[in-house]
Amino acid sequence: MKESLHILFICNKSPWPPGEGGPIAMNNLITGLTDAGHKVKVLAANTNKYSVNPEEIPEVYKEKTGIEFGYLDLSIKPVPAFLNLFTGKSYHVERFISKDFEKRLIEILNKDKFDIIQIETLYMTPYLETIREHSKAKVFLRAHNIEHMIWQRITESTRNPLKKAYLQHLTKTLRKYELNSLGKYDGIIPISHVDTAFFRKVTDTPVKTVSFGVDPDKLNMDEQGEPEHALFHIGSMNWMPNIEGIQWFLQEVWPMISEALPDVKLYLAGREMPEWAWQLNLKNVEVVGEVPDAYEFMKSKTISIAPLFSGSGIRIKIIESMALGRAVISTTIGAEGINYTNNENILIADDKQSFFEAVKVLYEDKQKAKETGRKARQLILDQHNNNLLVSKMVEFYREVIK
């Protein structure tokens, strides 16, 4: 039997509670590694944008992960944001630099010896230099997205010329930072094959795809009665691609649906629901906000919509909806990284007419919606089993250590 590894995770958010995309992905990996017998330590940023009360973290989780926090203030400050125009540095990344966080990291590195240090997302890369100074561990980047591409797509869809010019500057500096940092790692682990193909073109650093994994036992299909035949969207509503996608859907697609299918209901769920969403006064649109149990919410409706036009990586809420046997309608960008077959285990729609038609097909044919969901679940159970993906990750760690 191979020796277990000692792994330090540097996280841009707390992996607990696993309530939205990034934390779910980190938590599934961390718990998968501890379940496989590896020793894990977590240092996570606690920020004003995503705040966690350490007291509320279960004791068993604290024991398993040794989770600790460093505070980061991610407020956008007008003066530094303006001055950044003249520095050539990435303001996106600069906001994550904190002396307190660095101090805690140094203490951890001086106290323990690690085989692997995994940096979750590009935004924690500023701490790479400190890691190299205080540890001989191999350092990996877990790339949840190609970060500059998200901002490139957002910039392209921005109409306000002043805002567009500023976003172009932010995107350019972020791209430069992202590309320059790739060669400094010992390994890069993207979540999607599309992102892996990009990274392999721009760096010689070893790259291996390890997708988002689900635990089939947790995503069981026990339903409390028949789900409501309705549409739902669930996702963090402080993430720009989600905001952009839902606004597009409500403006472009919903009027067509309301006219042709007046009985269809839409439920909008997710944390940080913006004020404009609560003010919506649209017939058959119910704004739910943050839900106590995302899986129970998803299981209570039949059709998941994910209209995404920016972002990269893999959409975790799409994977989870599919794993729960829901029929999903998304865009080509939304479904990136999923080995789907269109019209079989998902419906892909990239414009308002095809999105409307996809809703119409699934709403008018309940059996088709059910069958699409069944095939979606099978696909996820076959290709996104967390235990298999954790083994793949460990295999890559060992290859690089050699």
Protein backbone atom coordinates (compact mmCIF):
# COMPACT_ATOMS: atom_id res chain seq x y z
CA MET A 1 0.00 0.00 0.00
CA LYS A 2 1.33 3.45 -0.94
CA GLU A 3 2.06 5.97 1.79
CA SER A 4 -0.59 8.58 2.45
CA LEU A 5 0.15 12.16 1.40
CA HIS A 6 0.13 15.29 3.55
CA ILE A 7 -1.68 18.02 1.62
CA LEU A 8 -2.19 21.71 2.41
CA PHE A 9 -5.09 23.47 0.69
CA ILE A 10 -4.95 27.26 0.26
CA CYS A 11 -8.56 28.25 -0.46
CA ASN A 12 -10.02 31.55 -1.68
CA LYS A 13 -13.23 30.72 0.25
CA SER A 14 -14.13 28.38 3.06
CA PRO A 15 -14.97 24.90 1.72
CA TRP A 16 -17.51 24.66 4.56
CA PRO A 17 -20.47 25.01 4.28
CA PRO A 18 -20.55 23.50 0.77
CA GLY A 19 -23.38 25.78 -0.35
CA GLU A 20 -22.21 27.07 -3.76
CA GLY A 21 -19.96 26.09 -6.67
CA GLY A 22 -16.40 26.76 -5.46
CA PRO A 23 -16.87 25.57 -1.86
CA ILE A 24 -18.71 22.44 -3.06
CA ALA A 25 -15.87 21.56 -5.46
CA MET A 26 -13.22 22.13 -2.76
CA ASN A 27 -15.16 20.30 -0.07
CA ASN A 28 -15.83 17.23 -2.24
CA LEU A 29 -12.13 16.95 -3.01
CA ILE A 30 -10.99 17.54 0.58
CA THR A 31 -13.43 15.01 2.07
CA GLY A 32 -12.62 12.55 -0.75
CA LEU A 33 -8.90 12.77 0.09
CA THR A 34 -9.44 12.36 3.85
CA ASP A 35 -11.79 9.42 3.23
CA ALA A 36 -9.03 7.86 1.09
CA GLY A 37 -6.64 8.06 4.07
CA HIS A 38 -4.66 11.20 3.20
CA LYS A 39 -3.86 13.90 5.75
CA VAL A 40 -5.32 17.30 4.86
CA LYS A 41 -4.87 20.79 6.28
CA VAL A 42 -6.96 23.78 5.10
CA LEU A 43 -6.11 27.48 5.24
CA ALA A 44 -9.03 29.47 3.84
CA ALA A 45 -9.70 33.13 3.21
CA ASN A 46 -12.60 34.53 5.22
CA THR A 47 -13.75 37.63 3.37
CA ASN A 48 -16.34 40.38 3.61
CA LYS A 49 -17.79 38.98 0.35
CA TYR A 50 -18.03 35.37 1.55
CA SER A 51 -18.00 35.25 5.30
CA VAL A 52 -18.16 32.13 7.46
CA ASN A 53 -18.49 31.91 11.23
CA PRO A 54 -15.76 29.42 12.30
CA GLU A 55 -17.87 28.54 15.37
CA GLU A 56 -20.53 27.04 13.09
CA ILE A 57 -18.17 24.55 11.43
CA PRO A 58 -18.82 21.02 12.77
CA GLU A 59 -16.14 19.74 15.17
CA VAL A 60 -15.67 16.55 13.16
CA TYR A 61 -14.88 18.68 10.06
CA LYS A 62 -12.40 20.81 12.02
CA GLU A 63 -10.63 17.66 13.24
CA LYS A 64 -10.50 16.15 9.75
CA THR A 65 -9.19 19.27 8.00
CA GLY A 66 -7.52 21.38 10.71
CA ILE A 67 -9.30 24.29 9.00
CA GLU A 68 -8.02 27.77 9.83
CA PHE A 69 -8.87 31.20 8.45
CA GLY A 70 -7.13 34.39 7.43
CA TYR A 71 -9.24 37.51 6.89
CA LEU A 72 -9.21 39.28 3.51
CA ASP A 73 -11.01 42.55 2.77
CA LEU A 74 -12.19 42.29 -0.84
CA SER A 75 -14.04 45.63 -0.90
CA ILE A 76 -13.52 47.54 -4.13
CA LYS A 77 -11.88 50.77 -3.01
CA PRO A 78 -12.25 53.63 -5.55
CA VAL A 79 -8.76 55.16 -5.06
CA PRO A 80 -6.73 51.90 -5.37
CA ALA A 81 -9.01 50.81 -8.24
CA PHE A 82 -8.26 54.08 -10.08
CA LEU A 83 -4.52 54.05 -9.30
CA ASN A 84 -4.36 50.47 -10.55
CA LEU A 85 -4.89 51.85 -14.07
CA PHE A 86 -1.27 53.06 -13.95
CA THR A 87 0.48 50.09 -12.28
CA GLY A 88 0.03 47.34 -14.88
CA LYS A 89 -0.86 44.92 -12.06
CA SER A 90 -4.05 42.87 -11.88
CA TYR A 91 -6.52 44.56 -9.51
CA HIS A 92 -8.54 41.32 -9.43
CA VAL A 93 -5.55 39.54 -7.86
CA GLU A 94 -4.09 42.42 -5.80
CA ARG A 95 -7.23 42.49 -3.64
CA PHE A 96 -6.35 38.99 -2.33
CA ILE A 97 -2.98 40.06 -0.88
CA SER A 98 -2.96 40.28 2.93
CA LYS A 99 -0.07 40.43 5.40
CA ASP A 100 -2.18 38.67 8.06
CA PHE A 101 -3.00 35.79 5.71
CA GLU A 102 0.65 35.49 4.68
CA LYS A 103 1.77 35.48 8.34
CA ARG A 104 -0.60 32.61 9.19
CA LEU A 105 0.56 30.69 6.10
CA ILE A 106 4.23 31.04 7.14
CA GLU A 107 3.41 29.75 10.65
CA ILE A 108 1.69 26.68 9.16
CA LEU A 109 4.57 26.00 6.73
CA ASN A 110 7.17 26.30 9.51
CA LYS A 111 5.23 23.99 11.80
CA ASP A 112 4.42 21.15 9.35
CA LYS A 113 6.04 19.38 6.41
CA PHE A 114 3.74 18.89 3.39
CA ASP A 115 4.12 16.70 0.30
CA ILE A 116 1.62 18.73 -1.72
CA ILE A 117 0.30 22.27 -1.50
CA GLN A 118 -2.78 22.96 -3.58
CA ILE A 119 -3.76 26.53 -4.39
CA GLU A 120 -7.46 26.81 -5.14
CA THR A 121 -8.05 29.35 -7.94
CA LEU A 122 -5.64 31.80 -9.53
CA TYR A 123 -6.52 34.47 -6.95
CA MET A 124 -4.43 32.79 -4.23
CA THR A 125 -1.32 32.73 -6.48
CA PRO A 126 0.28 35.78 -4.75
CA TYR A 127 1.17 33.39 -1.90
CA LEU A 128 3.19 31.09 -4.17
CA GLU A 129 6.44 32.95 -3.57
CA THR A 130 6.01 32.65 0.22
CA ILE A 131 5.30 28.92 -0.16
CA ARG A 132 8.51 28.41 -2.17
CA GLU A 133 10.53 30.23 0.50
CA HIS A 134 9.19 28.11 3.37
CA SER A 135 8.42 24.68 1.85
CA LYS A 136 9.86 22.06 -0.49
CA ALA A 137 6.38 20.68 -1.30
CA LYS A 138 5.19 20.36 -4.89
CA VAL A 139 2.67 23.13 -5.59
CA PHE A 140 -0.42 22.65 -7.74
CA LEU A 141 -2.96 25.12 -9.09
CA ARG A 142 -6.54 23.89 -9.04
CA ALA A 143 -7.93 25.99 -11.89
CA HIS A 144 -11.69 26.26 -11.41
CA ASN A 145 -11.87 28.47 -14.53
CA ILE A 146 -9.66 30.29 -16.99
CA GLU A 147 -10.22 33.50 -15.07
CA HIS A 148 -9.38 36.06 -17.76
CA MET A 149 -11.77 34.37 -20.20
CA ILE A 150 -14.72 34.97 -17.87
CA TRP A 151 -13.89 38.67 -17.83
CA GLN A 152 -13.23 38.72 -21.58
CA ARG A 153 -16.76 37.42 -22.21
CA ILE A 154 -18.27 39.88 -19.72
CA THR A 155 -16.33 42.76 -21.34
CA GLU A 156 -17.55 41.78 -24.81
CA SER A 157 -21.19 41.90 -23.69
CA THR A 158 -20.84 45.29 -21.89
CA ARG A 159 -22.44 48.21 -23.76
CA ASN A 160 -21.45 51.20 -21.57
CA PRO A 161 -18.25 52.54 -23.27
CA LEU A 162 -16.58 53.78 -20.04
CA LYS A 163 -17.30 50.57 -18.18
CA LYS A 164 -16.15 48.57 -21.22
CA ALA A 165 -12.83 50.45 -21.36
CA TYR A 166 -12.18 49.82 -17.65
CA LEU A 167 -13.14 46.13 -17.96
CA GLN A 168 -10.79 45.81 -20.95
CA HIS A 169 -7.95 47.11 -18.76
CA LEU A 170 -8.84 44.68 -15.93
CA THR A 171 -9.08 41.75 -18.34
CA LYS A 172 -5.76 42.57 -20.03
CA THR A 173 -3.85 42.75 -16.71
CA LEU A 174 -5.58 39.61 -15.41
CA ARG A 175 -4.70 37.69 -18.61
CA LYS A 176 -1.05 38.76 -18.35
CA TYR A 177 -0.91 37.71 -14.68
CA GLU A 178 -2.65 34.39 -15.34
CA LEU A 179 -0.39 33.40 -18.25
CA ASN A 180 2.79 34.49 -16.43
CA SER A 181 1.94 32.50 -13.30
CA LEU A 182 1.31 29.12 -14.99
CA GLY A 183 5.00 28.26 -15.38
CA LYS A 184 5.62 28.79 -11.65
CA TYR A 185 3.56 25.75 -10.60
CA ASP A 186 4.61 22.08 -10.52
CA GLY A 187 1.21 21.01 -11.84
CA ILE A 188 -2.10 22.47 -13.01
CA ILE A 189 -5.43 20.72 -12.42
CA PRO A 190 -8.32 22.17 -14.43
CA ILE A 191 -11.91 21.03 -13.93
CA SER A 192 -12.79 20.79 -17.65
CA HIS A 193 -11.13 19.31 -20.76
CA VAL A 194 -11.74 22.60 -22.61
CA ASP A 195 -9.65 24.48 -20.02
CA THR A 196 -6.97 21.75 -20.09
CA ALA A 197 -6.60 22.15 -23.87
CA PHE A 198 -6.06 25.91 -23.38
CA PHE A 199 -3.48 25.48 -20.58
CA ARG A 200 -1.51 22.90 -22.59
CA LYS A 201 -1.19 25.40 -25.45
CA VAL A 202 0.25 28.14 -23.25
CA THR A 203 2.48 26.34 -20.69
CA ASP A 204 4.90 23.41 -20.37
CA THR A 205 3.80 22.79 -16.77
CA PRO A 206 2.15 19.32 -16.47
CA VAL A 207 -1.64 19.63 -16.77
CA LYS A 208 -4.28 17.01 -15.94
CA THR A 209 -8.07 17.33 -15.97
CA VAL A 210 -9.78 16.22 -12.78
CA SER A 211 -13.42 17.14 -13.09
CA PHE A 212 -15.95 17.96 -10.39
CA GLY A 213 -16.98 14.83 -8.51
CA VAL A 214 -20.27 13.92 -6.85
CA ASP A 215 -20.95 11.43 -4.11
CA PRO A 216 -23.74 9.17 -5.46
CA ASP A 217 -24.86 8.35 -1.90
CA LYS A 218 -25.51 12.01 -1.09
CA LEU A 219 -27.31 12.68 -4.37
CA ASN A 220 -29.97 10.04 -3.90
CA MET A 221 -33.25 10.10 -5.75
CA ASP A 222 -35.63 9.69 -2.79
CA GLU A 223 -38.33 12.19 -3.64
CA GLN A 224 -41.08 13.36 -1.33
CA GLY A 225 -43.97 12.84 -3.76
CA GLU A 226 -44.14 13.99 -7.38
CA PRO A 227 -41.98 17.07 -8.18
CA GLU A 228 -43.72 20.18 -9.52
CA HIS A 229 -43.48 20.37 -13.32
CA ALA A 230 -41.81 23.78 -13.37
CA LEU A 231 -38.59 25.62 -14.25
CA PHE A 232 -35.94 26.57 -11.72
CA HIS A 233 -32.60 28.31 -11.60
CA ILE A 234 -30.24 27.91 -8.67
CA GLY A 235 -26.86 29.59 -8.38
CA SER A 236 -24.97 32.22 -6.45
CA MET A 237 -26.37 35.59 -7.53
CA ASN A 238 -23.25 37.59 -6.77
CA TRP A 239 -21.44 35.83 -9.65
CA MET A 240 -21.54 37.96 -12.81
CA PRO A 241 -22.23 35.14 -15.34
CA ASN A 242 -25.33 34.06 -13.34
CA ILE A 243 -26.66 37.63 -13.09
CA GLU A 244 -26.04 38.23 -16.79
CA GLY A 245 -27.70 34.92 -17.78
CA ILE A 246 -30.84 35.38 -15.68
CA GLN A 247 -31.33 38.98 -16.84
CA TRP A 248 -31.06 37.79 -20.45
CA PHE A 249 -33.55 34.96 -19.83
CA LEU A 250 -36.11 37.24 -18.14
CA GLN A 251 -35.85 39.93 -20.83
CA GLU A 252 -35.56 37.78 -23.96
CA VAL A 253 -37.06 34.34 -23.30
CA TRP A 254 -39.61 34.70 -20.51
CA PRO A 255 -42.03 36.95 -22.51
CA MET A 256 -42.18 34.23 -25.24
CA ILE A 257 -42.79 31.52 -22.64
CA SER A 258 -45.50 33.53 -20.84
CA GLU A 259 -47.37 34.06 -24.07
CA ALA A 260 -47.16 30.50 -25.43
CA LEU A 261 -47.21 28.58 -22.13
CA PRO A 262 -49.12 30.75 -19.62
CA ASP A 263 -49.09 28.06 -16.90
CA VAL A 264 -45.30 27.65 -16.67
CA LYS A 265 -43.79 28.71 -13.35
CA LEU A 266 -40.18 29.76 -12.77
CA TYR A 267 -38.42 29.67 -9.38
CA LEU A 268 -35.22 31.67 -8.82
CA ALA A 269 -33.03 30.46 -5.95
CA GLY A 270 -29.53 31.26 -4.74
CA ARG A 271 -27.59 33.23 -2.16
CA GLU A 272 -26.96 36.99 -2.49
CA MET A 273 -30.14 37.51 -4.55
CA PRO A 274 -29.88 41.15 -5.79
CA GLU A 275 -32.46 43.80 -4.96
CA TRP A 276 -33.68 44.03 -8.59
CA ALA A 277 -34.65 40.35 -8.46
CA TRP A 278 -36.75 40.81 -5.30
CA GLN A 279 -38.49 43.74 -7.03
CA LEU A 280 -39.49 41.63 -10.05
CA ASN A 281 -43.19 41.73 -10.67
CA LEU A 282 -43.57 39.02 -13.30
CA LYS A 283 -46.49 36.63 -13.41
CA ASN A 284 -45.49 33.05 -12.44
CA VAL A 285 -41.93 34.06 -11.46
CA GLU A 286 -41.21 33.34 -7.80
CA VAL A 287 -37.99 34.65 -6.25
CA VAL A 288 -36.99 32.23 -3.49
CA GLY A 289 -33.49 33.46 -2.59
CA GLU A 290 -31.19 31.29 -0.49
CA VAL A 291 -32.66 27.85 0.26
CA PRO A 292 -31.88 25.75 3.36
CA ASP A 293 -31.26 22.59 1.29
CA ALA A 294 -30.24 23.00 -2.36
CA TYR A 295 -30.71 19.31 -3.20
CA GLU A 296 -34.25 19.20 -1.78
CA PHE A 297 -35.07 22.37 -3.72
CA MET A 298 -33.74 20.89 -6.98
CA LYS A 299 -35.63 17.65 -6.41
CA SER A 300 -38.90 19.56 -5.95
CA LYS A 301 -38.98 20.83 -9.60
CA THR A 302 -38.44 19.08 -12.94
CA ILE A 303 -36.58 21.44 -15.33
CA SER A 304 -33.33 23.28 -14.55
CA ILE A 305 -32.34 26.31 -16.64
CA ALA A 306 -28.72 27.55 -16.81
CA PRO A 307 -28.47 30.35 -19.40
CA LEU A 308 -24.74 31.12 -19.25
CA PHE A 309 -22.80 33.18 -21.77
CA SER A 310 -19.55 33.72 -19.88
CA GLY A 311 -17.36 31.71 -17.56
CA SER A 312 -15.25 28.62 -18.07
CA GLY A 313 -14.50 25.53 -16.01
CA ILE A 314 -17.54 23.47 -15.09
CA ARG A 315 -20.92 24.58 -13.72
CA ILE A 316 -21.37 22.63 -10.53
CA LYS A 317 -25.08 23.35 -10.17
CA ILE A 318 -25.62 21.86 -13.67
CA ILE A 319 -23.75 18.68 -12.68
CA GLU A 320 -25.75 18.43 -9.46
CA SER A 321 -29.08 19.03 -11.24
CA MET A 322 -28.19 16.27 -13.71
CA ALA A 323 -27.08 13.94 -10.91
CA LEU A 324 -30.48 14.47 -9.27
CA GLY A 325 -32.23 13.42 -12.48
CA ARG A 326 -33.42 16.88 -13.51
CA ALA A 327 -33.76 17.81 -17.19
CA VAL A 328 -31.31 20.67 -17.85
CA ILE A 329 -31.45 23.38 -20.51
CA SER A 330 -28.18 25.28 -20.86
CA THR A 331 -25.91 26.96 -23.41
CA THR A 332 -22.78 25.59 -25.08
CA ILE A 333 -20.70 27.68 -22.66
CA GLY A 334 -22.77 26.55 -19.66
CA ALA A 335 -22.30 22.86 -20.47
CA GLU A 336 -18.55 23.17 -21.22
CA GLY A 337 -16.61 20.36 -19.60
CA ILE A 338 -19.55 17.93 -19.49
CA ASN A 339 -19.36 15.02 -21.92
CA TYR A 340 -23.02 15.44 -22.92
CA THR A 341 -25.11 14.39 -25.91
CA ASN A 342 -27.46 17.21 -26.94
CA ASN A 343 -31.19 16.31 -26.89
CA GLU A 344 -30.40 13.11 -25.04
CA ASN A 345 -29.09 13.96 -21.55
CA ILE A 346 -29.30 17.78 -21.77
CA LEU A 347 -30.81 20.38 -24.13
CA ILE A 348 -28.42 23.01 -25.50
CA ALA A 349 -29.82 26.39 -26.56
CA ASP A 350 -27.65 29.38 -27.48
CA ASP A 351 -30.25 31.95 -28.51
CA LYS A 352 -33.68 33.04 -27.33
CA GLN A 353 -35.66 31.10 -29.93
CA SER A 354 -33.93 27.77 -29.28
CA PHE A 355 -34.11 28.34 -25.50
CA PHE A 356 -37.85 28.95 -25.77
CA GLU A 357 -38.28 25.84 -27.95
CA ALA A 358 -36.31 23.70 -25.48
CA VAL A 359 -38.55 24.85 -22.61
CA LYS A 360 -41.63 24.17 -24.76
CA VAL A 361 -40.50 20.63 -25.65
CA LEU A 362 -39.77 19.65 -22.04
CA TYR A 363 -42.82 21.37 -20.58
CA GLU A 364 -45.26 19.88 -23.06
CA ASP A 365 -43.73 16.39 -22.90
CA LYS A 366 -43.33 15.34 -19.26
CA GLN A 367 -42.03 11.93 -20.31
CA LYS A 368 -39.27 13.52 -22.41
CA ALA A 369 -38.26 15.67 -19.39
CA LYS A 370 -38.19 12.57 -17.17
CA GLU A 371 -36.17 10.53 -19.67
CA THR A 372 -33.68 13.38 -20.24
CA GLY A 373 -33.20 13.61 -16.46
CA ARG A 374 -32.72 9.84 -16.11
CA LYS A 375 -30.02 9.79 -18.81
CA ALA A 376 -28.39 12.90 -17.30
CA ARG A 377 -28.09 11.17 -13.92
CA GLN A 378 -26.53 8.08 -15.52
CA LEU A 379 -23.95 10.23 -17.33
CA ILE A 380 -22.90 11.97 -14.10
CA LEU A 381 -22.73 8.74 -12.08
CA ASP A 382 -20.54 7.20 -14.81
CA GLN A 383 -18.17 10.13 -15.35
CA HIS A 384 -18.20 12.25 -12.18
CA ASN A 385 -17.86 9.71 -9.36
CA ASN A 386 -15.90 11.51 -6.63
CA ASN A 387 -13.92 8.45 -5.44
CA LEU A 388 -12.58 7.75 -8.95
CA LEU A 389 -11.69 11.41 -9.50
CA VAL A 390 -9.85 11.63 -6.16
CA SER A 391 -7.78 8.57 -7.18
CA LYS A 392 -6.97 10.30 -10.48
CA MET A 393 -5.86 13.43 -8.61
CA VAL A 394 -3.58 11.44 -6.26
CA GLU A 395 -2.08 9.60 -9.24
CA PHE A 396 -1.17 12.99 -10.78
CA TYR A 397 0.35 14.20 -7.48
CA ARG A 398 2.56 11.08 -7.36
CA GLU A 399 3.62 11.44 -11.03
CA VAL A 400 4.81 15.00 -10.36
CA ILE A 401 6.53 14.09 -7.05
CA LYS A 402 8.59 11.44 -8.90
